[in-house]
């Protein structure tokens, strides 16, 4: 043999040995996993533990009975599916006879990133697989959508889980039907598959049977060094929160400080990822004295912390601390997501108790009326919440991974399957991306607070009802909130849909400025002016009817942050000398971002 042939043979032998070793390890891991899964399945037969934690079974049972009661409609649906597949086969044969290639892609409709590789349209076999799948998946979801007689909640549940199932069975998710994965396997001599198996071993916990798909390189970022770097100091802390005061970058600042209550479902530094997209740094540069609440990542000892505790130890204690740090009693506030829901309830409590320290409030993607709260309501019926309660009874909290999984399921193709393909079929390394790093840095939910939130907001929608909720024994009413309010919503938000956010315009008694941003729950908020991305809509007449608001709204290019600043600046008082953290009555505890945010789940 020639030297070249010797090298190729050695290379093939190395690959074969590596693959055999990897296969053995994977086989052992999968065997352990299957044994563990069998034990878990056997245990789940206990009705007290429940085999259906998402309470999907009853909805599908109802759907099955309704479909069986109208066999003609089901037969018609099946005929339509058969007809589409026959037409597809005829079209494929015609294309092959004409060009010997697949379709020209004209049938694709909306862009689908799962099929971005050229072979999905250029190769006749994969073109047929793609188009056949799209026909079948579309048929399945449409058939389930067309079932009549289901409750609204059951229909939403059926359609959501049908789409989830259709997404899971996409040919892009399987090695033998993904042309990019096959090409990569050949190009790398099988190394991509071995790397994919290694990635699978890394991400799969055989003890819990749980697969946690790594989305971002966990070693790519260090808090305070290359993420969450805006200079500041922790000036106050208690069991639930640290309060960060940021260093001023202007000589003069607005008299009224700005206090931000972020969500505790994840960590505050979504507002401070990088200097170029940090809302916190930008607000500081506009002359605001910015304080941010950094919530604790609760453990079992804090499992009994209540929604009232988050109000008192979070917002109310923070307001006391801000006054000590700056000497200013009056402030403006921002609430983001669930932090905004807490802020709404706290403002109503403050109105009921005569506390007028907050003079203006901004809400980022926050809901107060949950009657149309979007796809998350699919996960929050009483049966599912009861299952969650049993789950949390053991530890006193809900694992951060559980919340992350729920949010990821809302956008499964983008947040589950795309990473599944990259990690395990293509053998790629995780990306070094600040947003994905933050997304993976999940937090735990304390039992009592989380159950209160799900039942009082999502199930009973009591926050929107006068006197529907009592805090510290005092009934609260959002219509007693008379301060100016800025409501931000995002057009593509799947967590806090803009029609749901808009409902808050009818809850507060004071002037409300509703603004609709482009993009979704995160990018719709984090959109700095310098990026010159997206757009936003404003209707200066601010009608209380959403259709009327949309019809009269004017579109503006770029970031809405400047509109918000124009609204808040006149409400923030005259300019005064800048305030340095630690110069007031509160001593510096530690530098930002503080220690609470570094605690991992």
Protein backbone atom coordinates (compact mmCIF):
# COMPACT_ATOMS: atom_id res chain seq x y z
CA UNK A 1 0.00 0.00 0.00
CA UNK A 2 1.05 3.57 -0.58
CA UNK A 3 1.71 6.00 2.26
CA UNK A 4 -1.58 7.74 1.46
CA UNK A 5 -3.48 4.47 1.66
CA UNK A 6 -1.72 3.61 4.96
CA UNK A 7 -2.75 6.96 6.43
CA UNK A 8 -6.34 6.47 5.28
CA UNK A 9 -6.42 2.97 6.77
CA UNK A 10 -4.99 4.22 10.07
CA UNK A 11 -7.52 7.02 10.08
CA UNK A 12 -10.40 4.60 9.45
CA UNK A 13 -9.16 2.29 12.20
CA UNK A 14 -8.99 5.24 14.64
CA UNK A 15 -12.50 6.30 13.68
CA UNK A 16 -13.78 2.74 14.05
CA UNK A 17 -12.21 2.35 17.50
CA UNK A 18 -13.52 5.74 18.62
CA UNK A 19 -16.98 4.97 17.32
CA UNK A 20 -17.00 1.53 18.97
CA UNK A 21 -15.90 3.04 22.28
CA UNK A 22 -18.49 5.77 22.04
CA UNK A 23 -21.17 3.29 21.05
CA UNK A 24 -20.35 1.10 24.07
CA UNK A 25 -20.55 4.05 26.44
CA UNK A 26 -23.78 5.22 24.85
CA UNK A 27 -25.29 1.71 25.02
CA UNK A 28 -24.45 1.45 28.73
CA UNK A 29 -25.88 4.90 29.37
CA UNK A 30 -29.08 4.15 27.45
CA UNK A 31 -29.49 0.82 29.27
CA UNK A 32 -29.22 2.57 32.63
CA UNK A 33 -31.59 5.24 31.39
CA UNK A 34 -34.20 2.71 30.23
CA UNK A 35 -34.03 0.86 33.55
CA UNK A 36 -34.49 4.15 35.40
CA UNK A 37 -37.33 5.17 33.08
CA UNK A 38 -39.07 1.82 33.73
CA UNK A 39 -38.84 2.40 37.47
CA UNK A 40 -40.21 5.92 37.10
CA UNK A 41 -43.04 4.71 34.86
CA UNK A 42 -43.93 1.99 37.38
CA UNK A 43 -43.95 4.54 40.17
CA UNK A 44 -46.08 6.90 38.10
CA UNK A 45 -48.87 4.31 38.11
CA UNK A 46 -49.60 5.62 41.59
CA UNK A 47 -52.62 7.89 41.00
CA UNK A 48 -51.39 10.25 43.68
CA UNK A 49 -48.28 10.94 41.61
CA UNK A 50 -50.13 11.16 38.34
CA UNK A 51 -49.25 9.85 34.88
CA UNK A 52 -50.41 13.00 33.12
CA UNK A 53 -48.77 16.03 34.79
CA UNK A 54 -49.87 18.34 31.97
CA UNK A 55 -53.47 17.09 32.16
CA UNK A 56 -53.61 16.49 28.41
CA UNK A 57 -55.36 13.12 28.56
CA UNK A 58 -58.90 14.35 29.30
CA UNK A 59 -58.75 16.87 26.45
CA UNK A 60 -57.59 14.23 23.95
CA UNK A 61 -60.25 11.82 25.21
CA UNK A 62 -62.92 14.43 24.57
CA UNK A 63 -61.49 15.13 21.13
CA UNK A 64 -61.42 11.42 20.23
CA UNK A 65 -65.06 10.97 21.23
CA UNK A 66 -66.13 14.01 19.22
CA UNK A 67 -64.24 12.82 16.13
CA UNK A 68 -65.78 9.34 16.47
CA UNK A 69 -69.25 10.89 16.68
CA UNK A 70 -68.83 12.45 13.22
CA UNK A 71 -67.21 9.74 11.05
CA UNK A 72 -68.10 11.51 7.79
CA UNK A 73 -66.08 14.55 8.79
CA UNK A 74 -63.13 12.34 9.73
CA UNK A 75 -63.40 10.46 6.44
CA UNK A 76 -63.45 13.78 4.56
CA UNK A 77 -60.33 14.91 6.42
CA UNK A 78 -58.58 11.64 5.58
CA UNK A 79 -59.62 12.00 1.93
CA UNK A 80 -58.15 15.52 1.81
CA UNK A 81 -54.87 14.18 3.21
CA UNK A 82 -54.77 11.35 0.66
CA UNK A 83 -55.61 13.80 -2.14
CA UNK A 84 -52.78 16.18 -1.19
CA UNK A 85 -50.28 13.33 -1.10
CA UNK A 86 -51.41 12.06 -4.52
CA UNK A 87 -51.06 15.58 -5.94
CA UNK A 88 -47.62 15.85 -4.37
CA UNK A 89 -46.51 12.57 -5.93
CA UNK A 90 -47.78 13.71 -9.34
CA UNK A 91 -45.93 17.01 -8.97
CA UNK A 92 -42.72 15.27 -7.94
CA UNK A 93 -42.86 12.91 -10.93
CA UNK A 94 -43.50 15.85 -13.24
CA UNK A 95 -40.50 17.73 -11.79
CA UNK A 96 -38.27 14.69 -12.19
CA UNK A 97 -39.25 14.17 -15.82
CA UNK A 98 -38.63 17.84 -16.57
CA UNK A 99 -35.37 18.50 -14.78
CA UNK A 100 -34.30 15.40 -12.89
CA UNK A 101 -34.18 17.52 -9.74
CA UNK A 102 -36.47 18.51 -6.92
CA UNK A 103 -38.78 21.48 -6.74
CA UNK A 104 -37.64 25.06 -7.16
CA UNK A 105 -38.79 25.86 -3.65
CA UNK A 106 -41.79 27.83 -4.81
CA UNK A 107 -44.05 25.73 -2.62
CA UNK A 108 -42.28 26.59 0.61
CA UNK A 109 -44.56 29.42 1.71
CA UNK A 110 -43.31 31.04 4.89
CA UNK A 111 -39.60 30.61 5.55
CA UNK A 112 -38.92 27.55 7.69
CA UNK A 113 -35.40 27.49 9.11
CA UNK A 114 -35.61 23.73 9.71
CA UNK A 115 -35.27 23.26 5.94
CA UNK A 116 -32.75 25.96 5.14
CA UNK A 117 -30.15 23.55 3.73
CA UNK A 118 -30.27 23.57 -0.07
CA UNK A 119 -30.66 19.77 -0.31
CA UNK A 120 -34.19 20.05 1.11
CA UNK A 121 -35.27 21.52 -2.24
CA UNK A 122 -32.51 20.49 -4.65
CA UNK A 123 -32.46 16.77 -3.86
CA UNK A 124 -35.63 15.02 -5.15
CA UNK A 125 -35.78 12.53 -2.28
CA UNK A 126 -35.38 15.08 0.52
CA UNK A 127 -37.63 17.53 -1.31
CA UNK A 128 -40.35 14.87 -1.30
CA UNK A 129 -39.75 14.04 2.39
CA UNK A 130 -39.98 17.72 3.32
CA UNK A 131 -43.14 18.41 1.37
CA UNK A 132 -44.80 15.20 2.52
CA UNK A 133 -44.08 16.05 6.14
CA UNK A 134 -45.43 19.58 5.80
CA UNK A 135 -48.65 18.26 4.26
CA UNK A 136 -49.14 15.69 7.02
CA UNK A 137 -48.23 17.97 9.92
CA UNK A 138 -50.43 20.75 8.61
CA UNK A 139 -53.29 18.27 8.15
CA UNK A 140 -52.92 16.93 11.68
CA UNK A 141 -53.00 20.35 13.33
CA UNK A 142 -55.84 21.61 11.11
CA UNK A 143 -57.88 18.47 11.79
CA UNK A 144 -57.53 18.91 15.54
CA UNK A 145 -58.32 22.61 15.21
CA UNK A 146 -61.55 21.87 13.35
CA UNK A 147 -63.05 19.65 16.09
CA UNK A 148 -66.29 21.24 17.26
CA UNK A 149 -67.74 20.90 20.74
CA UNK A 150 -64.55 21.22 22.79
CA UNK A 151 -64.20 23.82 25.52
CA UNK A 152 -61.94 26.73 24.61
CA UNK A 153 -59.31 25.53 27.08
CA UNK A 154 -59.38 21.96 25.75
CA UNK A 155 -59.18 23.13 22.14
CA UNK A 156 -56.12 25.28 22.87
CA UNK A 157 -54.51 22.38 24.69
CA UNK A 158 -55.26 19.93 21.85
CA UNK A 159 -53.97 22.27 19.14
CA UNK A 160 -50.82 23.20 21.09
CA UNK A 161 -49.83 19.62 21.84
CA UNK A 162 -50.69 18.49 18.29
CA UNK A 163 -48.33 21.15 16.95
CA UNK A 164 -45.73 20.08 19.50
CA UNK A 165 -46.03 16.50 18.29
CA UNK A 166 -45.85 17.56 14.64
CA UNK A 167 -42.71 19.58 15.36
CA UNK A 168 -41.10 16.61 17.11
CA UNK A 169 -41.57 14.35 14.09
CA UNK A 170 -40.04 16.76 11.61
CA UNK A 171 -37.63 14.85 9.30
CA UNK A 172 -35.00 17.44 10.17
CA UNK A 173 -34.84 15.89 13.66
CA UNK A 174 -33.67 12.47 12.44
CA UNK A 175 -30.25 11.53 11.13
CA UNK A 176 -31.37 9.43 8.16
CA UNK A 177 -33.83 12.07 6.90
CA UNK A 178 -31.69 15.16 7.45
CA UNK A 179 -29.48 15.82 4.41
CA UNK A 180 -27.28 18.31 6.25
CA UNK A 181 -26.57 15.77 9.01
CA UNK A 182 -25.78 13.05 6.44
CA UNK A 183 -23.47 15.34 4.46
CA UNK A 184 -21.70 16.46 7.65
CA UNK A 185 -21.25 12.83 8.70
CA UNK A 186 -19.53 12.00 5.41
CA UNK A 187 -17.48 15.22 5.35
CA UNK A 188 -16.15 14.58 8.86
CA UNK A 189 -15.61 10.85 8.45
CA UNK A 190 -18.22 10.12 11.09
CA UNK A 191 -16.69 12.49 13.64
CA UNK A 192 -19.88 14.60 13.78
CA UNK A 193 -21.87 11.57 14.92
CA UNK A 194 -19.33 10.65 17.57
CA UNK A 195 -19.30 14.23 18.80
CA UNK A 196 -23.10 14.21 18.82
CA UNK A 197 -23.09 11.08 20.98
CA UNK A 198 -20.61 12.74 23.33
CA UNK A 199 -22.88 15.77 23.53
CA UNK A 200 -25.83 13.50 24.29
CA UNK A 201 -23.92 11.81 27.09
CA UNK A 202 -23.03 15.24 28.45
CA UNK A 203 -26.62 16.50 28.45
CA UNK A 204 -28.53 13.40 29.57
CA UNK A 205 -28.82 12.64 33.26
CA UNK A 206 -29.38 8.88 33.66
CA UNK A 207 -30.43 9.35 37.29
CA UNK A 208 -33.44 11.51 36.39
CA UNK A 209 -33.98 10.53 32.73
CA UNK A 210 -33.87 14.25 31.99
CA UNK A 211 -32.28 15.68 28.86
CA UNK A 212 -31.09 19.25 29.29
CA UNK A 213 -29.98 20.46 25.88
CA UNK A 214 -26.99 22.76 26.22
CA UNK A 215 -27.74 25.95 24.29
CA UNK A 216 -24.76 28.07 25.20
CA UNK A 217 -21.17 27.50 26.24
CA UNK A 218 -21.38 27.63 30.06
CA UNK A 219 -17.77 28.80 30.29
CA UNK A 220 -18.08 31.62 27.76
CA UNK A 221 -19.24 34.28 30.23
CA UNK A 222 -18.41 35.36 33.76
CA UNK A 223 -20.78 37.69 35.57
CA UNK A 224 -19.19 41.05 36.16
CA UNK A 225 -16.40 40.41 33.65
CA UNK A 226 -17.95 40.05 30.20
CA UNK A 227 -21.66 40.05 31.03
CA UNK A 228 -23.60 42.20 33.53
CA UNK A 229 -20.73 44.68 33.63
CA UNK A 230 -22.40 48.08 34.19
CA UNK A 231 -20.55 49.60 37.20
CA UNK A 232 -22.56 49.71 40.41
CA UNK A 233 -22.70 48.67 44.04
CA UNK A 234 -24.97 46.53 46.17
CA UNK A 235 -26.19 48.91 48.88
CA UNK A 236 -28.89 46.83 50.56
CA UNK A 237 -29.93 43.22 50.94
CA UNK A 238 -32.33 40.98 52.84
CA UNK A 239 -33.36 37.33 52.50
CA UNK A 240 -35.07 37.80 49.14
CA UNK A 241 -33.20 40.53 47.31
CA UNK A 242 -30.11 42.62 46.83
CA UNK A 243 -30.49 46.23 45.71
CA UNK A 244 -27.93 47.51 43.20
CA UNK A 245 -27.29 51.23 42.74
CA UNK A 246 -25.46 52.06 39.51
CA UNK A 247 -22.62 54.52 39.08
CA UNK A 248 -23.70 57.74 37.34
CA UNK A 249 -22.17 58.63 33.98
CA UNK A 250 -23.58 62.18 33.84
CA UNK A 251 -22.80 65.15 36.09
CA UNK A 252 -26.48 65.89 36.62
CA UNK A 253 -29.26 63.35 37.20
CA UNK A 254 -33.03 63.44 37.49
CA UNK A 255 -34.23 64.16 41.01
CA UNK A 256 -36.43 61.08 41.22
CA UNK A 257 -34.52 57.78 41.18
CA UNK A 258 -35.60 54.95 38.89
CA UNK A 259 -36.19 51.57 40.56
CA UNK A 260 -36.48 48.40 38.45
CA UNK A 261 -38.29 45.22 39.57
CA UNK A 262 -37.25 42.48 37.13
CA UNK A 263 -38.84 39.02 37.03
CA UNK A 264 -37.66 36.43 39.55
CA UNK A 265 -38.45 33.67 37.06
CA UNK A 266 -35.02 34.48 35.63
CA UNK A 267 -32.17 36.83 36.46
CA UNK A 268 -32.07 40.60 36.22
CA UNK A 269 -29.08 40.85 33.89
CA UNK A 270 -31.25 40.42 30.81
CA UNK A 271 -31.33 44.19 31.24
CA UNK A 272 -27.52 44.34 31.35
CA UNK A 273 -26.09 41.75 28.94
CA UNK A 274 -23.43 43.82 27.17
CA UNK A 275 -22.61 47.56 27.13
CA UNK A 276 -24.01 47.84 23.59
CA UNK A 277 -27.45 46.44 24.51
CA UNK A 278 -27.73 47.18 28.23
CA UNK A 279 -30.96 48.96 29.11
CA UNK A 280 -29.52 49.72 32.54
CA UNK A 281 -26.39 51.38 31.12
CA UNK A 282 -28.50 53.33 28.60
CA UNK A 283 -30.90 54.58 31.30
CA UNK A 284 -27.92 55.67 33.42
CA UNK A 285 -26.55 57.57 30.41
CA UNK A 286 -29.86 59.43 30.10
CA UNK A 287 -29.39 60.86 33.57
CA UNK A 288 -31.41 58.47 35.73
CA UNK A 289 -30.19 57.21 39.10
CA UNK A 290 -30.91 53.54 38.49
CA UNK A 291 -31.57 50.94 41.17
CA UNK A 292 -32.26 47.29 40.30
CA UNK A 293 -33.62 44.53 42.50
CA UNK A 294 -31.57 41.34 42.13
CA UNK A 295 -33.70 38.48 43.44
CA UNK A 296 -32.33 35.54 45.41
CA UNK A 297 -32.32 32.11 43.79
CA UNK A 298 -34.45 30.48 46.50
CA UNK A 299 -33.71 27.14 48.12
CA UNK A 300 -35.82 24.91 50.35
CA UNK A 301 -35.43 27.29 53.31
CA UNK A 302 -37.17 30.04 51.34
CA UNK A 303 -39.91 27.81 49.94
CA UNK A 304 -42.52 29.34 52.23
CA UNK A 305 -41.86 32.89 51.08
CA UNK A 306 -45.13 34.38 49.84
CA UNK A 307 -46.21 36.86 47.22
CA UNK A 308 -46.66 39.32 50.08
CA UNK A 309 -43.04 38.70 51.09
CA UNK A 310 -41.90 39.55 47.56
CA UNK A 311 -43.90 42.77 47.78
CA UNK A 312 -42.52 43.70 51.21
CA UNK A 313 -38.92 42.44 51.01
CA UNK A 314 -38.65 43.26 47.33
CA UNK A 315 -40.35 46.48 46.34
CA UNK A 316 -41.32 48.12 49.65
CA UNK A 317 -37.99 47.46 51.38
CA UNK A 318 -36.22 48.65 48.22
CA UNK A 319 -38.13 51.94 48.32
CA UNK A 320 -37.06 52.45 51.95
CA UNK A 321 -33.46 51.70 50.98
CA UNK A 322 -33.53 54.09 48.01
CA UNK A 323 -34.64 56.89 50.30
CA UNK A 324 -31.78 56.14 52.66
CA UNK A 325 -29.30 55.97 49.79
CA UNK A 326 -30.40 59.17 48.03
CA UNK A 327 -32.55 61.15 50.44
CA UNK A 328 -35.37 61.05 47.90
CA UNK A 329 -38.76 59.73 48.94
CA UNK A 330 -40.40 59.90 45.51
CA UNK A 331 -39.36 57.53 42.72
CA UNK A 332 -40.33 56.12 39.34
CA UNK A 333 -40.50 52.37 38.83
CA UNK A 334 -40.26 49.72 36.10
CA UNK A 335 -41.68 46.21 36.36
CA UNK A 336 -40.72 43.51 33.83
CA UNK A 337 -42.88 40.41 33.22
CA UNK A 338 -43.87 38.88 36.58
CA UNK A 339 -41.97 41.74 38.22
CA UNK A 340 -44.53 44.02 36.57
CA UNK A 341 -47.41 41.93 37.90
CA UNK A 342 -45.91 42.29 41.37
CA UNK A 343 -45.52 46.03 40.79
CA UNK A 344 -49.19 46.33 39.76
CA UNK A 345 -50.34 44.58 42.92
CA UNK A 346 -47.93 46.63 45.06
CA UNK A 347 -49.14 49.92 43.57
CA UNK A 348 -52.73 48.93 44.38
CA UNK A 349 -51.67 48.03 47.93
CA UNK A 350 -49.84 51.34 48.27
CA UNK A 351 -52.92 53.21 47.02
CA UNK A 352 -55.04 51.41 49.61
CA UNK A 353 -52.61 52.31 52.42
CA UNK A 354 -51.98 55.92 51.36
CA UNK A 355 -48.37 55.31 50.27
CA UNK A 356 -47.65 57.69 47.36
CA UNK A 357 -43.90 57.25 46.92
CA UNK A 358 -44.12 55.87 43.35
CA UNK A 359 -44.99 58.75 41.01
CA UNK A 360 -44.80 56.98 37.63
CA UNK A 361 -44.73 53.32 36.58
CA UNK A 362 -43.53 51.53 33.47
CA UNK A 363 -44.42 47.94 32.62
CA UNK A 364 -42.34 45.80 30.27
CA UNK A 365 -44.31 42.85 28.85
CA UNK A 366 -46.40 42.64 32.00
CA UNK A 367 -49.93 41.39 32.52
CA UNK A 368 -52.49 42.36 35.13
CA UNK A 369 -55.56 40.90 33.40
CA UNK A 370 -54.91 37.21 32.64
CA UNK A 371 -58.17 36.38 30.88
CA UNK A 372 -56.34 36.10 27.53
CA UNK A 373 -52.84 35.33 28.75
CA UNK A 374 -51.79 33.27 25.74
CA UNK A 375 -50.28 29.80 25.49
CA UNK A 376 -48.99 29.73 29.07
CA UNK A 377 -52.60 29.26 30.20
CA UNK A 378 -52.38 25.81 28.59
CA UNK A 379 -50.04 24.83 31.42
CA UNK A 380 -52.04 26.39 34.27
CA UNK A 381 -55.34 24.60 34.76
CA UNK A 382 -56.19 23.40 38.26
CA UNK A 383 -55.12 19.80 37.64
CA UNK A 384 -51.66 20.82 36.43
CA UNK A 385 -51.19 23.27 39.28
CA UNK A 386 -52.18 20.52 41.73
CA UNK A 387 -49.51 18.30 40.18
CA UNK A 388 -46.99 21.11 40.50
CA UNK A 389 -47.95 21.54 44.13
CA UNK A 390 -47.26 17.85 44.85
CA UNK A 391 -43.95 18.16 43.02
CA UNK A 392 -42.92 21.24 44.99
CA UNK A 393 -43.98 19.73 48.32
CA UNK A 394 -40.88 17.54 48.23
CA UNK A 395 -38.32 20.36 47.86
CA UNK A 396 -40.19 23.54 48.69
CA UNK A 397 -39.51 25.01 45.26
CA UNK A 398 -39.88 24.38 41.54
CA UNK A 399 -36.62 23.61 39.76
CA UNK A 400 -35.47 26.25 37.33
CA UNK A 401 -35.22 23.65 34.59
CA UNK A 402 -38.98 23.04 34.82
CA UNK A 403 -39.78 26.67 34.11
CA UNK A 404 -37.21 26.79 31.31
CA UNK A 405 -38.73 23.70 29.70
CA UNK A 406 -42.17 25.27 29.77
CA UNK A 407 -40.98 28.46 28.10
CA UNK A 408 -38.96 26.50 25.55
CA UNK A 409 -42.01 24.43 24.61
CA UNK A 410 -43.79 27.62 23.55
CA UNK A 411 -41.22 27.92 20.74
CA UNK A 412 -40.11 24.32 20.38
CA UNK A 413 -38.58 24.59 16.91
CA UNK A 414 -36.40 27.55 17.89
CA UNK A 415 -35.59 26.64 21.49
CA UNK A 416 -35.57 22.85 21.50
CA UNK A 417 -35.26 21.17 18.11
CA UNK A 418 -32.76 23.54 16.50
CA UNK A 419 -30.34 22.89 19.37
CA UNK A 420 -31.14 19.17 19.31
CA UNK A 421 -30.10 19.04 15.65
CA UNK A 422 -26.98 21.16 16.15
CA UNK A 423 -25.80 19.30 19.26
CA UNK A 424 -26.60 15.69 18.44
CA UNK A 425 -26.99 15.32 14.66
CA UNK A 426 -24.36 17.83 13.55
CA UNK A 427 -22.05 17.46 16.56
CA UNK A 428 -21.60 21.21 16.99
CA UNK A 429 -20.18 22.95 20.03
CA UNK A 430 -22.57 25.21 21.98
CA UNK A 431 -22.61 28.83 20.88
CA UNK A 432 -21.02 31.68 22.81
CA UNK A 433 -24.08 33.92 22.91
CA UNK A 434 -24.96 36.21 25.83
CA UNK A 435 -28.75 35.89 25.47
CA UNK A 436 -28.62 32.09 25.39
CA UNK A 437 -26.25 32.07 28.36
CA UNK A 438 -28.78 34.15 30.31
CA UNK A 439 -31.64 31.93 29.14
CA UNK A 440 -29.87 28.85 30.52
CA UNK A 441 -29.11 30.57 33.84
CA UNK A 442 -32.48 29.63 35.32
CA UNK A 443 -33.85 30.22 38.81
CA UNK A 444 -36.01 28.26 41.20
CA UNK A 445 -39.56 29.27 42.17
CA UNK A 446 -40.53 29.27 45.88
CA UNK A 447 -43.53 27.02 46.44
CA UNK A 448 -46.02 29.38 48.08
CA UNK A 449 -45.29 32.34 45.83
CA UNK A 450 -45.50 30.30 42.65
CA UNK A 451 -48.76 28.60 43.60
CA UNK A 452 -50.31 31.95 44.54
CA UNK A 453 -49.25 33.45 41.23
CA UNK A 454 -50.60 30.58 39.14
CA UNK A 455 -53.93 30.29 40.96
CA UNK A 456 -54.69 33.94 41.66
CA UNK A 457 -53.50 35.30 38.31
CA UNK A 458 -53.70 32.61 35.62
CA UNK A 459 -56.59 30.49 36.92
CA UNK A 460 -58.81 32.97 38.77
CA UNK A 461 -57.63 36.28 37.23
CA UNK A 462 -58.24 37.93 40.57
CA UNK A 463 -55.76 40.79 40.21
CA UNK A 464 -58.00 42.39 37.59
CA UNK A 465 -61.03 42.24 39.91
CA UNK A 466 -61.55 45.00 42.52
CA UNK A 467 -61.01 43.37 45.88
CA UNK A 468 -60.17 40.05 44.22
CA UNK A 469 -56.84 39.82 46.05
CA UNK A 470 -55.92 40.88 49.58
CA UNK A 471 -52.34 41.64 50.56
CA UNK A 472 -51.51 41.85 54.26
CA UNK A 473 -55.24 41.59 54.90
CA UNK A 474 -56.07 44.60 52.73
CA UNK A 475 -58.22 44.15 49.57
CA UNK A 476 -56.56 45.81 46.59
CA UNK A 477 -58.06 47.49 43.53
CA UNK A 478 -56.03 48.49 40.45
CA UNK A 479 -58.55 51.22 39.62
CA UNK A 480 -57.20 53.12 42.65
CA UNK A 481 -53.82 53.48 40.90
CA UNK A 482 -53.88 57.04 39.55
CA UNK A 483 -50.23 57.68 38.63
CA UNK A 484 -49.06 57.93 34.99
CA UNK A 485 -48.37 54.51 33.43
CA UNK A 486 -46.32 53.47 30.38
CA UNK A 487 -47.30 50.04 29.02
CA UNK A 488 -44.85 48.29 26.72
CA UNK A 489 -45.97 45.23 24.76
CA UNK A 490 -44.37 43.35 21.87
CA UNK A 491 -46.13 42.26 18.70
CA UNK A 492 -44.69 38.72 18.66
CA UNK A 493 -44.63 38.11 22.41
CA UNK A 494 -45.73 34.52 23.13
CA UNK A 495 -45.48 34.87 26.93
CA UNK A 496 -47.33 38.15 27.47
CA UNK A 497 -49.36 38.62 24.25
CA UNK A 498 -50.00 42.26 23.42
CA UNK A 499 -53.83 41.93 23.49
CA UNK A 500 -53.47 40.69 27.08
CA UNK A 501 -51.10 43.51 28.04
CA UNK A 502 -53.46 46.04 26.40
CA UNK A 503 -56.24 45.04 28.79
CA UNK A 504 -54.34 46.87 31.53
CA UNK A 505 -55.20 50.18 29.85
CA UNK A 506 -58.70 49.75 31.29
CA UNK A 507 -57.57 48.80 34.79
CA UNK A 508 -55.68 51.90 35.97
CA UNK A 509 -57.40 55.22 36.70
CA UNK A 510 -54.48 57.45 35.72
CA UNK A 511 -53.18 58.35 32.23
CA UNK A 512 -51.87 55.29 30.37
CA UNK A 513 -49.54 55.35 27.36
CA UNK A 514 -49.64 52.03 25.53
CA UNK A 515 -46.79 51.32 23.12
CA UNK A 516 -46.47 48.28 20.85
CA UNK A 517 -42.93 47.21 19.97
CA UNK A 518 -41.75 44.88 17.25
CA UNK A 519 -40.33 41.41 17.97
CA UNK A 520 -41.01 39.31 21.09
CA UNK A 521 -40.79 39.01 24.86
CA UNK A 522 -37.04 39.66 25.05
CA UNK A 523 -35.95 41.37 21.82
CA UNK A 524 -39.05 43.58 21.98
CA UNK A 525 -37.71 44.99 25.25
CA UNK A 526 -33.95 44.83 24.67
CA UNK A 527 -33.69 47.01 21.58
CA UNK A 528 -31.17 49.84 22.03
CA UNK A 529 -31.41 52.88 19.74
CA UNK A 530 -27.90 52.34 18.38
CA UNK A 531 -28.92 48.98 16.92
CA UNK A 532 -31.45 50.66 14.60
CA UNK A 533 -33.57 47.50 14.60
CA UNK A 534 -37.26 46.70 14.55
CA UNK A 535 -39.97 49.31 14.93
CA UNK A 536 -42.78 50.37 17.27
CA UNK A 537 -46.30 51.76 17.12
CA UNK A 538 -47.98 54.58 19.04
CA UNK A 539 -51.54 55.89 18.95
CA UNK A 540 -51.47 59.32 20.57
CA UNK A 541 -55.25 59.26 21.09
CA UNK A 542 -54.86 56.09 23.21
CA UNK A 543 -58.35 54.66 22.66
CA UNK A 544 -59.42 51.92 25.06
CA UNK A 545 -60.46 49.58 22.24
CA UNK A 546 -57.57 47.53 20.83
CA UNK A 547 -58.89 47.43 17.25
CA UNK A 548 -59.33 51.20 17.30
CA UNK A 549 -55.86 51.61 18.79
CA UNK A 550 -54.27 49.46 16.08
CA UNK A 551 -56.18 51.20 13.29
CA UNK A 552 -55.01 54.63 14.39
CA UNK A 553 -51.45 53.68 15.40
CA UNK A 554 -48.46 55.30 13.70
CA UNK A 555 -45.38 53.22 12.98
CA UNK A 556 -41.91 54.45 13.92
CA UNK A 557 -38.56 52.92 12.96
CA UNK A 558 -36.02 51.80 15.50
CA UNK A 559 -36.08 51.63 19.29
CA UNK A 560 -38.97 52.69 21.51
CA UNK A 561 -36.54 53.55 24.33
CA UNK A 562 -36.37 57.17 23.19
CA UNK A 563 -40.18 57.47 23.30
CA UNK A 564 -40.17 56.10 26.84
CA UNK A 565 -37.45 58.57 27.87
CA UNK A 566 -39.47 61.49 26.46
CA UNK A 567 -42.42 60.28 28.52
CA UNK A 568 -40.53 59.68 31.79
CA UNK A 569 -38.08 62.58 31.85
CA UNK A 570 -40.73 65.27 32.54
CA UNK A 571 -42.10 63.07 35.33
CA UNK A 572 -38.69 62.62 36.98
CA UNK A 573 -38.13 66.08 38.42
CA UNK A 574 -35.43 68.66 37.87
CA UNK A 575 -31.77 67.78 37.42
CA UNK A 576 -29.62 67.55 40.55
CA UNK A 577 -26.01 66.64 41.32
CA UNK A 578 -25.10 63.03 40.54
CA UNK A 579 -25.29 60.47 43.33
CA UNK A 580 -22.42 58.08 44.06
CA UNK A 581 -23.30 54.66 45.53
CA UNK A 582 -22.32 54.58 49.19
CA UNK A 583 -22.39 58.38 49.60
CA UNK A 584 -25.79 58.30 51.37
CA UNK A 585 -26.80 56.55 54.55
CA UNK A 586 -26.23 53.07 53.11
CA UNK A 587 -22.77 51.56 52.97
CA UNK A 588 -21.55 49.56 49.99
CA UNK A 589 -21.94 45.81 50.57
CA UNK A 590 -20.18 44.55 47.43
CA UNK A 591 -19.69 45.50 43.77
CA UNK A 592 -22.34 44.82 41.14
CA UNK A 593 -23.60 42.42 39.96
CA UNK A 594 -23.64 41.17 43.55
CA UNK A 595 -23.58 37.65 44.92
CA UNK A 596 -27.28 36.67 44.70
CA UNK A 597 -27.20 36.57 40.91
CA UNK A 598 -24.26 34.17 40.86
CA UNK A 599 -26.12 31.34 42.62
CA UNK A 600 -26.86 28.58 40.12
CA UNK A 601 -29.91 26.32 40.14
